[in-house]
Amino acid sequence: MNLDYIEDLIKKENINLIDTYLEDTSGAYINYDKLNIILYDTSKLDSSNMKKEIFAEELGHYYYDATYKFNSDLQFISKQEYRAKKWSYYILIPFESLRRAILNRD
């Protein structure tokens, strides 16, 4: 999966993409009153692969509705983060590619 494909998904879903300073993270998804935003901090991304991974995870929050409030308990936050990462793994590593890699290992 390439970065262009992920960026096309973001545009298709009408999600605003904003490059801004983020103190404790490289990316964040915000849904407020039907406004969807992915924030990211380019200064923390060393490569286009990292950007792709951040965008994919934040899209996971969007597609799986894996959101939470700032005052949510840690167990709920962990559950929602897991769900978003799970979606990103599916999009970044298609099942058929994973299957072929396992079959070809020595």
N, C-alpha and C. Protein backbone atom coordinates (compact mmCIF):
# COMPACT_ATOMS: atom_id res chain seq x y z
N MET A 1 0.84 -1.17 0.00
CA MET A 1 0.00 0.00 0.00
C MET A 1 0.89 1.24 0.00
N ASN A 2 0.63 2.17 -0.91
CA ASN A 2 1.49 3.36 -0.95
C ASN A 2 0.78 4.57 -0.33
N LEU A 3 1.58 5.59 -0.08
CA LEU A 3 1.09 6.80 0.58
C LEU A 3 0.01 7.49 -0.25
N ASP A 4 0.17 7.51 -1.56
CA ASP A 4 -0.83 8.16 -2.42
C ASP A 4 -2.21 7.53 -2.23
N TYR A 5 -2.26 6.20 -2.13
CA TYR A 5 -3.54 5.52 -1.94
C TYR A 5 -4.20 5.96 -0.63
N ILE A 6 -3.40 6.04 0.43
CA ILE A 6 -3.93 6.43 1.73
C ILE A 6 -4.40 7.89 1.70
N GLU A 7 -3.62 8.75 1.07
CA GLU A 7 -4.03 10.15 0.96
C GLU A 7 -5.31 10.28 0.13
N ASP A 8 -5.46 9.44 -0.90
CA ASP A 8 -6.69 9.44 -1.69
C ASP A 8 -7.90 9.03 -0.84
N LEU A 9 -7.71 8.04 0.05
CA LEU A 9 -8.79 7.65 0.96
C LEU A 9 -9.20 8.82 1.86
N ILE A 10 -8.21 9.53 2.35
CA ILE A 10 -8.48 10.68 3.22
C ILE A 10 -9.31 11.73 2.47
N LYS A 11 -8.91 12.00 1.22
CA LYS A 11 -9.67 12.98 0.41
C LYS A 11 -11.07 12.46 0.10
N LYS A 12 -11.16 11.18 -0.27
CA LYS A 12 -12.46 10.59 -0.61
C LYS A 12 -13.44 10.69 0.55
N GLU A 13 -12.94 10.51 1.76
CA GLU A 13 -13.79 10.56 2.95
C GLU A 13 -14.01 11.99 3.46
N ASN A 14 -13.43 12.95 2.74
CA ASN A 14 -13.62 14.36 3.09
C ASN A 14 -13.10 14.68 4.49
N ILE A 15 -11.94 14.12 4.80
CA ILE A 15 -11.28 14.35 6.09
C ILE A 15 -10.24 15.45 5.89
N ASN A 16 -10.27 16.46 6.74
CA ASN A 16 -9.28 17.53 6.67
C ASN A 16 -7.94 17.00 7.19
N LEU A 17 -6.88 17.34 6.50
CA LEU A 17 -5.53 16.91 6.85
C LEU A 17 -4.73 18.15 7.21
N ILE A 18 -4.25 18.21 8.46
CA ILE A 18 -3.56 19.41 8.94
C ILE A 18 -2.20 19.04 9.53
N ASP A 19 -1.16 19.65 8.98
CA ASP A 19 0.20 19.49 9.50
C ASP A 19 0.41 20.58 10.54
N THR A 20 0.63 20.17 11.79
CA THR A 20 0.77 21.12 12.89
C THR A 20 1.68 20.54 13.97
N TYR A 21 2.13 21.36 14.86
CA TYR A 21 2.92 20.89 16.00
C TYR A 21 2.02 20.09 16.94
N LEU A 22 2.49 18.89 17.30
CA LEU A 22 1.81 18.05 18.29
C LEU A 22 2.83 17.71 19.36
N GLU A 23 2.50 17.96 20.60
CA GLU A 23 3.47 17.82 21.68
C GLU A 23 3.86 16.37 21.98
N ASP A 24 2.90 15.49 22.19
CA ASP A 24 3.21 14.16 22.68
C ASP A 24 2.92 13.04 21.68
N THR A 25 2.66 13.37 20.45
CA THR A 25 2.31 12.34 19.47
C THR A 25 2.67 12.80 18.07
N SER A 26 2.63 11.89 17.13
CA SER A 26 2.92 12.23 15.73
C SER A 26 1.65 12.46 14.93
N GLY A 27 0.53 11.94 15.44
CA GLY A 27 -0.72 12.08 14.72
C GLY A 27 -1.91 11.96 15.65
N ALA A 28 -3.05 12.48 15.18
CA ALA A 28 -4.28 12.40 15.97
C ALA A 28 -5.48 12.52 15.04
N TYR A 29 -6.55 11.84 15.40
CA TYR A 29 -7.81 11.96 14.67
C TYR A 29 -8.81 12.65 15.56
N ILE A 30 -9.49 13.62 15.01
CA ILE A 30 -10.51 14.36 15.76
C ILE A 30 -11.81 14.34 14.99
N ASN A 31 -12.88 14.02 15.69
CA ASN A 31 -14.22 14.12 15.12
C ASN A 31 -15.00 15.04 16.05
N TYR A 32 -15.39 16.19 15.50
CA TYR A 32 -16.14 17.14 16.31
C TYR A 32 -17.30 17.66 15.48
N ASP A 33 -18.50 17.38 15.93
CA ASP A 33 -19.70 17.88 15.28
C ASP A 33 -19.68 17.60 13.77
N LYS A 34 -19.38 16.34 13.44
CA LYS A 34 -19.33 15.84 12.05
C LYS A 34 -18.20 16.43 11.22
N LEU A 35 -17.25 17.08 11.86
CA LEU A 35 -16.04 17.57 11.21
C LEU A 35 -14.94 16.57 11.53
N ASN A 36 -14.33 15.99 10.49
CA ASN A 36 -13.29 14.98 10.67
C ASN A 36 -11.94 15.58 10.29
N ILE A 37 -10.97 15.41 11.18
CA ILE A 37 -9.65 16.00 10.98
C ILE A 37 -8.59 14.98 11.37
N ILE A 38 -7.56 14.87 10.54
CA ILE A 38 -6.35 14.15 10.92
C ILE A 38 -5.26 15.20 11.07
N LEU A 39 -4.71 15.27 12.27
CA LEU A 39 -3.58 16.14 12.57
C LEU A 39 -2.31 15.31 12.52
N TYR A 40 -1.24 15.88 12.01
CA TYR A 40 0.05 15.19 12.02
C TYR A 40 1.16 16.21 12.15
N ASP A 41 2.30 15.77 12.64
CA ASP A 41 3.44 16.64 12.88
C ASP A 41 4.60 16.15 12.03
N THR A 42 4.82 16.81 10.88
CA THR A 42 5.87 16.41 9.95
C THR A 42 7.24 16.36 10.60
N SER A 43 7.49 17.23 11.57
CA SER A 43 8.81 17.26 12.21
C SER A 43 9.12 15.96 12.95
N LYS A 44 8.11 15.14 13.22
CA LYS A 44 8.32 13.88 13.93
C LYS A 44 8.31 12.67 13.00
N LEU A 45 8.16 12.90 11.71
CA LEU A 45 8.08 11.81 10.74
C LEU A 45 9.37 11.76 9.93
N ASP A 46 10.12 10.67 10.08
CA ASP A 46 11.42 10.55 9.42
C ASP A 46 11.33 10.11 7.97
N SER A 47 10.20 9.56 7.57
CA SER A 47 10.10 9.01 6.21
C SER A 47 8.65 9.00 5.75
N SER A 48 8.48 8.74 4.46
CA SER A 48 7.12 8.62 3.94
C SER A 48 6.44 7.38 4.50
N ASN A 49 7.21 6.36 4.87
CA ASN A 49 6.61 5.18 5.51
C ASN A 49 5.99 5.52 6.85
N MET A 50 6.67 6.36 7.62
CA MET A 50 6.11 6.77 8.91
C MET A 50 4.83 7.58 8.70
N LYS A 51 4.84 8.44 7.69
CA LYS A 51 3.64 9.23 7.39
C LYS A 51 2.49 8.31 6.99
N LYS A 52 2.80 7.31 6.20
CA LYS A 52 1.79 6.34 5.78
C LYS A 52 1.23 5.59 6.98
N GLU A 53 2.08 5.19 7.91
CA GLU A 53 1.64 4.48 9.11
C GLU A 53 0.75 5.37 9.98
N ILE A 54 1.14 6.62 10.16
CA ILE A 54 0.34 7.54 10.97
C ILE A 54 -1.02 7.77 10.31
N PHE A 55 -1.03 8.05 9.02
CA PHE A 55 -2.29 8.29 8.32
C PHE A 55 -3.19 7.06 8.38
N ALA A 56 -2.60 5.87 8.21
CA ALA A 56 -3.40 4.64 8.23
C ALA A 56 -4.03 4.43 9.61
N GLU A 57 -3.27 4.65 10.66
CA GLU A 57 -3.85 4.47 12.00
C GLU A 57 -4.96 5.48 12.26
N GLU A 58 -4.74 6.72 11.87
CA GLU A 58 -5.77 7.73 12.10
C GLU A 58 -7.02 7.45 11.27
N LEU A 59 -6.84 6.91 10.06
CA LEU A 59 -7.99 6.46 9.27
C LEU A 59 -8.72 5.31 9.98
N GLY A 60 -7.97 4.48 10.68
CA GLY A 60 -8.58 3.40 11.47
C GLY A 60 -9.53 3.94 12.52
N HIS A 61 -9.16 5.06 13.13
CA HIS A 61 -10.07 5.70 14.10
C HIS A 61 -11.36 6.11 13.39
N TYR A 62 -11.21 6.63 12.18
CA TYR A 62 -12.38 7.08 11.41
C TYR A 62 -13.26 5.90 11.00
N TYR A 63 -12.66 4.90 10.35
CA TYR A 63 -13.45 3.79 9.80
C TYR A 63 -14.06 2.89 10.88
N TYR A 64 -13.37 2.70 11.99
CA TYR A 64 -13.89 1.84 13.05
C TYR A 64 -14.60 2.63 14.14
N ASP A 65 -14.77 3.94 13.92
CA ASP A 65 -15.37 4.81 14.93
C ASP A 65 -14.69 4.58 16.29
N ALA A 66 -13.39 4.49 16.24
CA ALA A 66 -12.58 4.20 17.43
C ALA A 66 -12.11 5.50 18.07
N THR A 67 -13.07 6.26 18.53
CA THR A 67 -12.76 7.55 19.14
C THR A 67 -13.01 7.50 20.64
N TYR A 68 -12.51 8.50 21.30
CA TYR A 68 -12.70 8.61 22.75
C TYR A 68 -12.54 10.06 23.16
N LYS A 69 -13.03 10.36 24.33
CA LYS A 69 -12.92 11.71 24.88
C LYS A 69 -11.63 11.83 25.67
N PHE A 70 -11.18 13.04 25.86
CA PHE A 70 -9.94 13.27 26.59
C PHE A 70 -9.98 12.72 28.01
N ASN A 71 -11.15 12.67 28.62
CA ASN A 71 -11.25 12.20 30.00
C ASN A 71 -11.67 10.73 30.09
N SER A 72 -11.57 9.99 28.98
CA SER A 72 -11.93 8.56 29.01
C SER A 72 -10.93 7.78 29.85
N ASP A 73 -11.39 6.64 30.39
CA ASP A 73 -10.48 5.83 31.19
C ASP A 73 -9.48 5.11 30.29
N LEU A 74 -8.34 4.77 30.85
CA LEU A 74 -7.23 4.19 30.08
C LEU A 74 -7.59 2.88 29.39
N GLN A 75 -8.42 2.07 30.02
CA GLN A 75 -8.83 0.81 29.41
C GLN A 75 -9.61 1.06 28.12
N PHE A 76 -10.51 2.01 28.12
CA PHE A 76 -11.30 2.34 26.93
C PHE A 76 -10.39 2.94 25.85
N ILE A 77 -9.49 3.83 26.23
CA ILE A 77 -8.56 4.43 25.27
C ILE A 77 -7.73 3.34 24.61
N SER A 78 -7.21 2.40 25.41
CA SER A 78 -6.40 1.30 24.86
C SER A 78 -7.21 0.47 23.87
N LYS A 79 -8.45 0.20 24.19
CA LYS A 79 -9.32 -0.57 23.30
C LYS A 79 -9.51 0.16 21.97
N GLN A 80 -9.75 1.44 22.01
CA GLN A 80 -9.98 2.22 20.79
C GLN A 80 -8.69 2.33 19.98
N GLU A 81 -7.56 2.50 20.64
CA GLU A 81 -6.28 2.55 19.93
C GLU A 81 -5.99 1.21 19.25
N TYR A 82 -6.28 0.12 19.94
CA TYR A 82 -6.09 -1.21 19.37
C TYR A 82 -6.94 -1.38 18.10
N ARG A 83 -8.19 -0.95 18.16
CA ARG A 83 -9.09 -1.08 17.01
C ARG A 83 -8.56 -0.28 15.82
N ALA A 84 -8.07 0.93 16.06
CA ALA A 84 -7.54 1.77 14.98
C ALA A 84 -6.28 1.15 14.37
N LYS A 85 -5.41 0.63 15.23
CA LYS A 85 -4.17 0.00 14.73
C LYS A 85 -4.49 -1.27 13.94
N LYS A 86 -5.49 -1.99 14.39
CA LYS A 86 -5.90 -3.21 13.69
C LYS A 86 -6.32 -2.87 12.26
N TRP A 87 -7.09 -1.82 12.08
CA TRP A 87 -7.49 -1.42 10.73
C TRP A 87 -6.26 -1.05 9.91
N SER A 88 -5.32 -0.33 10.52
CA SER A 88 -4.12 0.09 9.78
C SER A 88 -3.30 -1.12 9.35
N TYR A 89 -3.25 -2.16 10.18
CA TYR A 89 -2.51 -3.37 9.79
C TYR A 89 -3.15 -4.02 8.58
N TYR A 90 -4.47 -4.06 8.56
CA TYR A 90 -5.18 -4.66 7.43
C TYR A 90 -4.90 -3.90 6.13
N ILE A 91 -4.87 -2.59 6.19
CA ILE A 91 -4.66 -1.79 4.98
C ILE A 91 -3.19 -1.77 4.57
N LEU A 92 -2.28 -1.75 5.53
CA LEU A 92 -0.85 -1.68 5.21
C LEU A 92 -0.26 -3.02 4.78
N ILE A 93 -0.81 -4.11 5.33
CA ILE A 93 -0.31 -5.45 5.01
C ILE A 93 -1.49 -6.30 4.57
N PRO A 94 -1.82 -6.26 3.27
CA PRO A 94 -2.94 -7.06 2.78
C PRO A 94 -2.73 -8.55 3.09
N PHE A 95 -3.80 -9.25 3.39
CA PHE A 95 -3.73 -10.65 3.79
C PHE A 95 -2.95 -11.50 2.79
N GLU A 96 -3.19 -11.30 1.52
CA GLU A 96 -2.51 -12.12 0.51
C GLU A 96 -1.00 -11.90 0.54
N SER A 97 -0.56 -10.69 0.76
CA SER A 97 0.88 -10.42 0.88
C SER A 97 1.46 -11.09 2.11
N LEU A 98 0.74 -11.06 3.21
CA LEU A 98 1.18 -11.72 4.43
C LEU A 98 1.26 -13.23 4.22
N ARG A 99 0.26 -13.79 3.59
CA ARG A 99 0.23 -15.23 3.33
C ARG A 99 1.42 -15.65 2.47
N ARG A 100 1.69 -14.89 1.41
CA ARG A 100 2.83 -15.22 0.53
C ARG A 100 4.15 -15.12 1.29
N ALA A 101 4.29 -14.11 2.13
CA ALA A 101 5.52 -13.95 2.91
C ALA A 101 5.73 -15.13 3.85
N ILE A 102 4.67 -15.61 4.47
CA ILE A 102 4.78 -16.75 5.39
C ILE A 102 5.14 -18.02 4.60
N LEU A 103 4.52 -18.22 3.46
CA LEU A 103 4.80 -19.41 2.66
C LEU A 103 6.21 -19.41 2.08
N ASN A 104 6.77 -18.24 1.83
CA ASN A 104 8.09 -18.13 1.21
C ASN A 104 9.24 -18.02 2.20
N ARG A 105 8.96 -18.04 3.48
CA ARG A 105 10.04 -17.89 4.46
C ARG A 105 10.82 -19.20 4.56
N ASP A 106 12.07 -19.05 4.85
CA ASP A 106 12.94 -20.23 5.03
C ASP A 106 13.78 -20.10 6.26
